């Protein structure tokens, strides 16, 4: 589900518009992913809890970093494939592999059939 655009100056911490943060309940600091769509700040994922705020904050930061890194790799991969296609180095359309069960019993030279 795509989130609505945010007002200028608001930072999305993940590609889907959610963000990792810490919420305290009782004596536990919970690491949660929040969806702020429509100003409701709904918890969409509970990751785990800690008894120290710093540990929970560190976990939230690491989760956000890993999620951002994964999203960035996906974007870069897509751009790389588009760039390769543009310069003629993309995969041929008929690049389906031949099954190993169809392999010849012996390999000959390129001229043989």
Protein backbone atom coordinates (compact mmCIF):
# COMPACT_ATOMS: atom_id res chain seq x y z
CA UNK A 1 0.00 0.00 0.00
CA UNK A 2 1.52 3.36 -1.01
CA UNK A 3 1.54 6.22 1.45
CA UNK A 4 0.33 9.72 0.66
CA UNK A 5 2.93 12.38 -0.06
CA UNK A 6 4.10 14.24 3.04
CA UNK A 7 4.34 17.98 3.48
CA UNK A 8 7.61 19.51 2.31
CA UNK A 9 10.38 19.00 4.85
CA UNK A 10 9.03 15.73 6.27
CA UNK A 11 11.51 12.89 5.89
CA UNK A 12 10.45 9.36 4.96
CA UNK A 13 12.69 6.95 6.81
CA UNK A 14 11.81 4.03 4.57
CA UNK A 15 10.82 3.77 0.92
CA UNK A 16 7.23 2.86 1.81
CA UNK A 17 6.77 5.96 4.01
CA UNK A 18 6.93 4.12 7.33
CA UNK A 19 9.66 4.63 9.90
CA UNK A 20 11.34 2.69 12.72
CA UNK A 21 11.16 4.20 16.19
CA UNK A 22 10.97 3.37 19.89
CA UNK A 23 7.84 3.45 22.06
CA UNK A 24 7.95 2.88 25.80
CA UNK A 25 5.27 0.81 27.49
CA UNK A 26 5.76 0.01 31.15
CA UNK A 27 9.45 -0.72 31.66
CA UNK A 28 10.05 -1.94 28.11
CA UNK A 29 11.25 0.11 25.14
CA UNK A 30 9.62 -1.42 22.06
CA UNK A 31 11.14 -1.15 18.59
CA UNK A 32 8.26 -0.59 16.18
CA UNK A 33 7.66 0.46 12.58
CA UNK A 34 5.10 3.26 12.34
CA UNK A 35 2.88 4.29 9.44
CA UNK A 36 2.01 7.98 9.86
CA UNK A 37 -0.46 8.05 6.94
CA UNK A 38 -3.35 10.42 7.61
CA UNK A 39 -1.76 11.42 10.94
CA UNK A 40 -2.83 8.22 12.72
CA UNK A 41 0.69 6.87 13.48
CA UNK A 42 -0.35 3.22 13.31
CA UNK A 43 2.10 0.48 14.38
CA UNK A 44 2.60 -1.85 11.40
CA UNK A 45 5.37 -4.02 12.86
CA UNK A 46 6.57 -4.88 16.35
CA UNK A 47 10.21 -5.95 16.14
CA UNK A 48 11.09 -6.53 19.80
CA UNK A 49 11.75 -4.84 23.12
CA UNK A 50 14.63 -3.81 25.39
CA UNK A 51 14.97 -2.62 28.97
CA UNK A 52 17.30 0.21 27.92
CA UNK A 53 16.27 3.07 25.63
CA UNK A 54 19.71 3.24 23.98
CA UNK A 55 19.62 -0.40 22.96
CA UNK A 56 16.15 0.01 21.48
CA UNK A 57 17.20 3.18 19.64
CA UNK A 58 20.23 1.43 18.21
CA UNK A 59 18.10 -1.46 16.98
CA UNK A 60 15.61 0.94 15.37
CA UNK A 61 18.44 2.78 13.61
CA UNK A 62 19.97 -0.48 12.33
CA UNK A 63 16.60 -1.71 11.03
CA UNK A 64 16.00 1.59 9.22
CA UNK A 65 19.50 1.48 7.72
CA UNK A 66 19.11 -2.12 6.49
CA UNK A 67 15.70 -1.38 4.98
CA UNK A 68 17.05 1.74 3.24
CA UNK A 69 20.08 -0.14 1.95
CA UNK A 70 17.85 -2.85 0.46
CA UNK A 71 15.59 -0.25 -1.21
CA UNK A 72 18.62 1.60 -2.62
CA UNK A 73 20.03 -1.63 -4.08
CA UNK A 74 16.71 -2.32 -5.81
CA UNK A 75 16.70 1.17 -7.37
CA UNK A 76 20.33 0.87 -8.48
CA UNK A 77 19.73 -2.58 -9.96
CA UNK A 78 16.78 -1.27 -12.00
CA UNK A 79 18.82 1.70 -13.28
CA UNK A 80 21.76 -0.54 -14.15
CA UNK A 81 19.58 -2.84 -16.26
CA UNK A 82 18.00 0.15 -18.02
CA UNK A 83 21.45 1.64 -18.74
CA UNK A 84 22.75 -1.66 -20.12
CA UNK A 85 19.73 -1.93 -22.40
CA UNK A 86 20.30 1.63 -23.64
CA UNK A 87 23.86 0.89 -24.78
CA UNK A 88 23.00 -2.49 -26.25
CA UNK A 89 24.40 -4.73 -23.53
CA UNK A 90 21.11 -5.98 -22.12
CA UNK A 91 20.14 -9.63 -22.07
CA UNK A 92 18.76 -10.91 -25.39
CA UNK A 93 15.02 -11.50 -25.40
CA UNK A 94 15.50 -15.18 -26.27
CA UNK A 95 18.07 -15.80 -23.55
CA UNK A 96 16.27 -18.77 -22.00
CA UNK A 97 18.75 -21.50 -21.04
CA UNK A 98 18.71 -24.98 -22.56
CA UNK A 99 18.02 -27.75 -20.07
CA UNK A 100 21.01 -29.92 -19.06
CA UNK A 101 18.95 -32.99 -20.01
CA UNK A 102 19.24 -31.81 -23.65
CA UNK A 103 23.07 -31.71 -23.52
CA UNK A 104 24.94 -33.71 -26.18
CA UNK A 105 26.84 -36.80 -25.16
CA UNK A 106 30.11 -35.15 -26.24
CA UNK A 107 31.26 -31.66 -27.21
CA UNK A 108 32.62 -31.08 -30.67
CA UNK A 109 34.10 -28.01 -32.35
CA UNK A 110 31.93 -24.99 -33.14
CA UNK A 111 31.67 -26.05 -36.79
CA UNK A 112 30.11 -29.43 -36.01
CA UNK A 113 26.39 -29.86 -35.61
